[in-house]
């Protein structure tokens, strides 16, 4: 499923495209959003945070299916492909947590902390104070890239700068 979120002032428009074709395209505008549930019916969604929670609730049970796919894979290529798909599903679920706090006004792309015990600093230099440490695999919103440093925001709302080599960036915007 490919979701795109467009925000203009206080109007939210989300389009969902499925492989079933244009008949299943759903457009939501302002206020209450009907969100289809697996098994029929719809769920009233009023915020991006609620929509992210609804997507998580629908997608989380699929992890077990992807784990089954990975364990059923027989050839080395199947195993590698299944492991990658499982990893993408888990990353997608972790990334939904980034909507739990207010989404920042700047967005370069999604990222993931790529090493253990990475220092998150107050500013874009090693001389700045380390505010806290982030663990490998932690998803982040990349707000900006400043030379060798990446400005990031975590799911808990904390922000700071991480040395560029310790953030694996995904889906970089323009």
C-alpha atoms as a PDB file:
ATOM      1  CA  UNK A   1       0.000   0.000   0.000  1.00  0.00           C
ATOM      2  CA  UNK A   2       1.344   3.424  -0.963  1.00  0.00           C
ATOM      3  CA  UNK A   3       0.189   6.258   1.302  1.00  0.00           C
ATOM      4  CA  UNK A   4       0.816   9.918   0.651  1.00  0.00           C
ATOM      5  CA  UNK A   5       0.032  12.665   3.139  1.00  0.00           C
ATOM      6  CA  UNK A   6      -0.464  16.214   1.974  1.00  0.00           C
ATOM      7  CA  UNK A   7      -0.876  18.986   4.549  1.00  0.00           C
ATOM      8  CA  UNK A   8      -2.058  22.456   3.669  1.00  0.00           C
ATOM      9  CA  UNK A   9      -2.983  24.675   6.561  1.00  0.00           C
ATOM     10  CA  UNK A  10      -5.595  22.678   8.470  1.00  0.00           C
ATOM     11  CA  UNK A  11      -6.694  20.454   5.578  1.00  0.00           C
ATOM     12  CA  UNK A  12      -5.468  16.882   5.542  1.00  0.00           C
ATOM     13  CA  UNK A  13      -5.733  14.745   2.428  1.00  0.00           C
ATOM     14  CA  UNK A  14      -4.567  11.154   2.433  1.00  0.00           C
ATOM     15  CA  UNK A  15      -4.783   8.905  -0.584  1.00  0.00           C
ATOM     16  CA  UNK A  16      -4.393   5.156  -0.364  1.00  0.00           C
ATOM     17  CA  UNK A  17      -3.750   3.075  -3.466  1.00  0.00           C
ATOM     18  CA  UNK A  18      -3.986  -0.679  -3.334  1.00  0.00           C
ATOM     19  CA  UNK A  19      -3.065  -3.313  -5.859  1.00  0.00           C
ATOM     20  CA  UNK A  20      -6.794  -3.996  -6.323  1.00  0.00           C
ATOM     21  CA  UNK A  21      -7.007  -0.917  -8.583  1.00  0.00           C
ATOM     22  CA  UNK A  22      -8.586   2.523  -8.659  1.00  0.00           C
ATOM     23  CA  UNK A  23     -11.938   1.291  -7.328  1.00  0.00           C
ATOM     24  CA  UNK A  24     -10.296   0.947  -3.920  1.00  0.00           C
ATOM     25  CA  UNK A  25      -8.804   4.439  -3.913  1.00  0.00           C
ATOM     26  CA  UNK A  26     -10.008   6.289  -0.851  1.00  0.00           C
ATOM     27  CA  UNK A  27      -9.668  10.021  -0.311  1.00  0.00           C
ATOM     28  CA  UNK A  28     -10.109  11.674   3.048  1.00  0.00           C
ATOM     29  CA  UNK A  29     -10.588  15.385   3.544  1.00  0.00           C
ATOM     30  CA  UNK A  30     -10.939  17.300   6.801  1.00  0.00           C
ATOM     31  CA  UNK A  31     -12.407  16.058  10.044  1.00  0.00           C
ATOM     32  CA  UNK A  32     -13.516  12.468  10.448  1.00  0.00           C
ATOM     33  CA  UNK A  33     -11.761  10.022   8.181  1.00  0.00           C
ATOM     34  CA  UNK A  34     -13.304   6.646   7.369  1.00  0.00           C
ATOM     35  CA  UNK A  35     -10.459   4.141   7.581  1.00  0.00           C
ATOM     36  CA  UNK A  36     -11.246   0.652   6.288  1.00  0.00           C
ATOM     37  CA  UNK A  37     -10.739  -2.198   8.725  1.00  0.00           C
ATOM     38  CA  UNK A  38      -9.605  -5.653   7.786  1.00  0.00           C
ATOM     39  CA  UNK A  39     -12.803  -7.683   7.838  1.00  0.00           C
ATOM     40  CA  UNK A  40     -15.051  -4.809   6.769  1.00  0.00           C
ATOM     41  CA  UNK A  41     -16.502  -1.693   8.307  1.00  0.00           C
ATOM     42  CA  UNK A  42     -14.612   1.489   8.961  1.00  0.00           C
ATOM     43  CA  UNK A  43     -12.896   3.248  11.812  1.00  0.00           C
ATOM     44  CA  UNK A  44     -13.347   6.988  12.434  1.00  0.00           C
ATOM     45  CA  UNK A  45      -9.930   8.626  12.361  1.00  0.00           C
ATOM     46  CA  UNK A  46      -9.494  12.299  13.130  1.00  0.00           C
ATOM     47  CA  UNK A  47      -5.735  12.829  13.414  1.00  0.00           C
ATOM     48  CA  UNK A  48      -2.558  11.625  11.781  1.00  0.00           C
ATOM     49  CA  UNK A  49      -1.612  10.035  15.112  1.00  0.00           C
ATOM     50  CA  UNK A  50      -4.840   8.013  15.171  1.00  0.00           C
ATOM     51  CA  UNK A  51      -4.377   6.989  11.545  1.00  0.00           C
ATOM     52  CA  UNK A  52      -0.821   5.814  12.306  1.00  0.00           C
ATOM     53  CA  UNK A  53      -2.145   3.785  15.275  1.00  0.00           C
ATOM     54  CA  UNK A  54      -4.865   2.247  13.071  1.00  0.00           C
ATOM     55  CA  UNK A  55      -2.318   1.304  10.406  1.00  0.00           C
ATOM     56  CA  UNK A  56      -0.065  -0.195  13.103  1.00  0.00           C
ATOM     57  CA  UNK A  57      -2.944  -2.260  14.505  1.00  0.00           C
ATOM     58  CA  UNK A  58      -3.697  -3.600  11.030  1.00  0.00           C
ATOM     59  CA  UNK A  59      -0.077  -4.226   9.990  1.00  0.00           C
ATOM     60  CA  UNK A  60       1.475  -5.550  13.222  1.00  0.00           C
ATOM     61  CA  UNK A  61      -0.101  -9.037  12.960  1.00  0.00           C
ATOM     62  CA  UNK A  62       1.584  -9.431   9.558  1.00  0.00           C
ATOM     63  CA  UNK A  63       5.011  -9.653  11.220  1.00  0.00           C
ATOM     64  CA  UNK A  64       4.240 -13.233  12.224  1.00  0.00           C
ATOM     65  CA  UNK A  65       3.338 -14.026   8.607  1.00  0.00           C
ATOM     66  CA  UNK A  66       6.620 -12.517   7.374  1.00  0.00           C
ATOM     67  CA  UNK A  67       8.519 -14.497  10.032  1.00  0.00           C
ATOM     68  CA  UNK A  68       6.780 -17.640   8.725  1.00  0.00           C
ATOM     69  CA  UNK A  69       7.841 -16.701   5.209  1.00  0.00           C
ATOM     70  CA  UNK A  70      11.437 -16.289   6.380  1.00  0.00           C
ATOM     71  CA  UNK A  71      11.458 -19.665   8.126  1.00  0.00           C
ATOM     72  CA  UNK A  72       9.873 -21.385   5.092  1.00  0.00           C
ATOM     73  CA  UNK A  73      12.451 -19.987   2.662  1.00  0.00           C
ATOM     74  CA  UNK A  74      14.627 -22.767   1.299  1.00  0.00           C
ATOM     75  CA  UNK A  75      17.253 -21.316  -1.028  1.00  0.00           C
ATOM     76  CA  UNK A  76      19.823 -18.699  -0.022  1.00  0.00           C
ATOM     77  CA  UNK A  77      18.143 -16.147  -2.312  1.00  0.00           C
ATOM     78  CA  UNK A  78      14.705 -16.852  -0.822  1.00  0.00           C
ATOM     79  CA  UNK A  79      16.137 -16.545   2.695  1.00  0.00           C
ATOM     80  CA  UNK A  80      17.821 -13.236   1.895  1.00  0.00           C
ATOM     81  CA  UNK A  81      14.714 -11.819   0.211  1.00  0.00           C
ATOM     82  CA  UNK A  82      12.393 -12.979   3.018  1.00  0.00           C
ATOM     83  CA  UNK A  83      14.731 -11.521   5.658  1.00  0.00           C
ATOM     84  CA  UNK A  84      14.757  -8.185   3.822  1.00  0.00           C
ATOM     85  CA  UNK A  85      10.964  -8.087   3.522  1.00  0.00           C
ATOM     86  CA  UNK A  86      10.631  -8.921   7.229  1.00  0.00           C
ATOM     87  CA  UNK A  87      13.106  -6.155   8.047  1.00  0.00           C
ATOM     88  CA  UNK A  88      11.149  -3.648   5.963  1.00  0.00           C
ATOM     89  CA  UNK A  89       7.906  -4.582   7.718  1.00  0.00           C
ATOM     90  CA  UNK A  90       9.490  -4.150  11.148  1.00  0.00           C
ATOM     91  CA  UNK A  91      11.046  -0.819  10.102  1.00  0.00           C
ATOM     92  CA  UNK A  92       7.679   0.387   8.803  1.00  0.00           C
ATOM     93  CA  UNK A  93       6.042  -0.424  12.138  1.00  0.00           C
ATOM     94  CA  UNK A  94       8.806   1.347  14.086  1.00  0.00           C
ATOM     95  CA  UNK A  95       8.497   4.348  11.754  1.00  0.00           C
ATOM     96  CA  UNK A  96       4.797   4.712  12.569  1.00  0.00           C
ATOM     97  CA  UNK A  97       5.868   5.585  16.133  1.00  0.00           C
ATOM     98  CA  UNK A  98       7.331   8.807  14.723  1.00  0.00           C
ATOM     99  CA  UNK A  99       3.767  10.110  14.361  1.00  0.00           C
ATOM    100  CA  UNK A 100       3.087   9.791  18.101  1.00  0.00           C
ATOM    101  CA  UNK A 101       4.440  13.274  18.773  1.00  0.00           C
ATOM    102  CA  UNK A 102       3.948  16.401  16.708  1.00  0.00           C
ATOM    103  CA  UNK A 103       5.533  15.959  13.300  1.00  0.00           C
ATOM    104  CA  UNK A 104       8.275  18.562  12.692  1.00  0.00           C
ATOM    105  CA  UNK A 105       7.852  21.299  10.080  1.00  0.00           C
ATOM    106  CA  UNK A 106      11.032  20.179   8.270  1.00  0.00           C
ATOM    107  CA  UNK A 107      11.442  16.724   6.762  1.00  0.00           C
ATOM    108  CA  UNK A 108      14.281  15.397   4.624  1.00  0.00           C
ATOM    109  CA  UNK A 109      13.468  11.711   5.014  1.00  0.00           C
ATOM    110  CA  UNK A 110      13.355   8.735   7.331  1.00  0.00           C
ATOM    111  CA  UNK A 111      16.433   7.308   8.932  1.00  0.00           C
ATOM    112  CA  UNK A 112      17.589   4.670  11.324  1.00  0.00           C
ATOM    113  CA  UNK A 113      20.425   4.782  13.859  1.00  0.00           C
ATOM    114  CA  UNK A 114      23.070   2.415  12.463  1.00  0.00           C
ATOM    115  CA  UNK A 115      25.346   1.782  15.488  1.00  0.00           C
ATOM    116  CA  UNK A 116      25.019   1.065  19.196  1.00  0.00           C
ATOM    117  CA  UNK A 117      25.232   3.847  21.814  1.00  0.00           C
ATOM    118  CA  UNK A 118      25.293   6.755  19.348  1.00  0.00           C
ATOM    119  CA  UNK A 119      25.643  10.185  20.947  1.00  0.00           C
ATOM    120  CA  UNK A 120      22.867  12.643  20.140  1.00  0.00           C
ATOM    121  CA  UNK A 121      24.316  16.132  20.515  1.00  0.00           C
ATOM    122  CA  UNK A 122      22.906  19.615  21.073  1.00  0.00           C
ATOM    123  CA  UNK A 123      24.579  20.995  17.931  1.00  0.00           C
ATOM    124  CA  UNK A 124      26.326  19.829  14.742  1.00  0.00           C
ATOM    125  CA  UNK A 125      29.819  19.349  16.189  1.00  0.00           C
ATOM    126  CA  UNK A 126      31.621  16.820  18.383  1.00  0.00           C
ATOM    127  CA  UNK A 127      32.376  19.665  20.817  1.00  0.00           C
ATOM    128  CA  UNK A 128      28.667  19.980  21.686  1.00  0.00           C
ATOM    129  CA  UNK A 129      27.285  18.257  24.776  1.00  0.00           C
ATOM    130  CA  UNK A 130      25.834  14.778  24.303  1.00  0.00           C
ATOM    131  CA  UNK A 131      22.155  14.976  25.295  1.00  0.00           C
ATOM    132  CA  UNK A 132      21.579  11.217  25.309  1.00  0.00           C
ATOM    133  CA  UNK A 133      22.512   8.047  23.440  1.00  0.00           C
ATOM    134  CA  UNK A 134      20.441   6.243  20.810  1.00  0.00           C
ATOM    135  CA  UNK A 135      20.457   2.512  20.117  1.00  0.00           C
ATOM    136  CA  UNK A 136      21.020   0.761  16.815  1.00  0.00           C
ATOM    137  CA  UNK A 137      17.796   0.335  14.832  1.00  0.00           C
ATOM    138  CA  UNK A 138      16.013   3.334  16.361  1.00  0.00           C
ATOM    139  CA  UNK A 139      13.969   5.091  13.652  1.00  0.00           C
ATOM    140  CA  UNK A 140      14.267   8.859  13.271  1.00  0.00           C
ATOM    141  CA  UNK A 141      12.864  11.667  11.187  1.00  0.00           C
ATOM    142  CA  UNK A 142      15.731  13.382   9.394  1.00  0.00           C
ATOM    143  CA  UNK A 143      14.994  17.101   9.628  1.00  0.00           C
ATOM    144  CA  UNK A 144      18.138  18.463   8.000  1.00  0.00           C
ATOM    145  CA  UNK A 145      21.656  17.572   6.911  1.00  0.00           C
ATOM    146  CA  UNK A 146      24.364  20.065   7.937  1.00  0.00           C
ATOM    147  CA  UNK A 147      27.746  19.022   6.591  1.00  0.00           C
ATOM    148  CA  UNK A 148      28.765  15.855   8.405  1.00  0.00           C
ATOM    149  CA  UNK A 149      25.834  16.060  10.841  1.00  0.00           C
ATOM    150  CA  UNK A 150      22.181  15.076  10.616  1.00  0.00           C
ATOM    151  CA  UNK A 151      19.478  16.838  12.620  1.00  0.00           C
ATOM    152  CA  UNK A 152      17.011  14.197  13.798  1.00  0.00           C
ATOM    153  CA  UNK A 153      13.802  13.791  15.769  1.00  0.00           C
ATOM    154  CA  UNK A 154      12.906  10.649  17.703  1.00  0.00           C
ATOM    155  CA  UNK A 155       9.474   9.086  18.334  1.00  0.00           C
ATOM    156  CA  UNK A 156       9.503  10.439  21.900  1.00  0.00           C
ATOM    157  CA  UNK A 157       9.839  14.000  20.551  1.00  0.00           C
ATOM    158  CA  UNK A 158      13.496  14.431  21.506  1.00  0.00           C
ATOM    159  CA  UNK A 159      15.696  16.113  18.926  1.00  0.00           C
ATOM    160  CA  UNK A 160      19.408  16.545  18.343  1.00  0.00           C
ATOM    161  CA  UNK A 161      22.322  16.062  15.974  1.00  0.00           C
ATOM    162  CA  UNK A 162      23.977  12.765  15.055  1.00  0.00           C
ATOM    163  CA  UNK A 163      27.168  12.266  13.071  1.00  0.00           C
ATOM    164  CA  UNK A 164      26.102  11.402   9.503  1.00  0.00           C
ATOM    165  CA  UNK A 165      27.908   8.023   9.471  1.00  0.00           C
ATOM    166  CA  UNK A 166      25.621   6.788  12.273  1.00  0.00           C
ATOM    167  CA  UNK A 167      22.325   7.443  10.480  1.00  0.00           C
ATOM    168  CA  UNK A 168      21.217   5.236   7.628  1.00  0.00           C
ATOM    169  CA  UNK A 169      18.918   7.479   5.599  1.00  0.00           C
ATOM    170  CA  UNK A 170      15.924   6.082   3.727  1.00  0.00           C
ATOM    171  CA  UNK A 171      13.631   7.781   1.189  1.00  0.00           C
ATOM    172  CA  UNK A 172      15.503  11.058   1.023  1.00  0.00           C
ATOM    173  CA  UNK A 173      13.324  13.899  -0.179  1.00  0.00           C
ATOM    174  CA  UNK A 174      14.448  16.668  -2.466  1.00  0.00           C
END
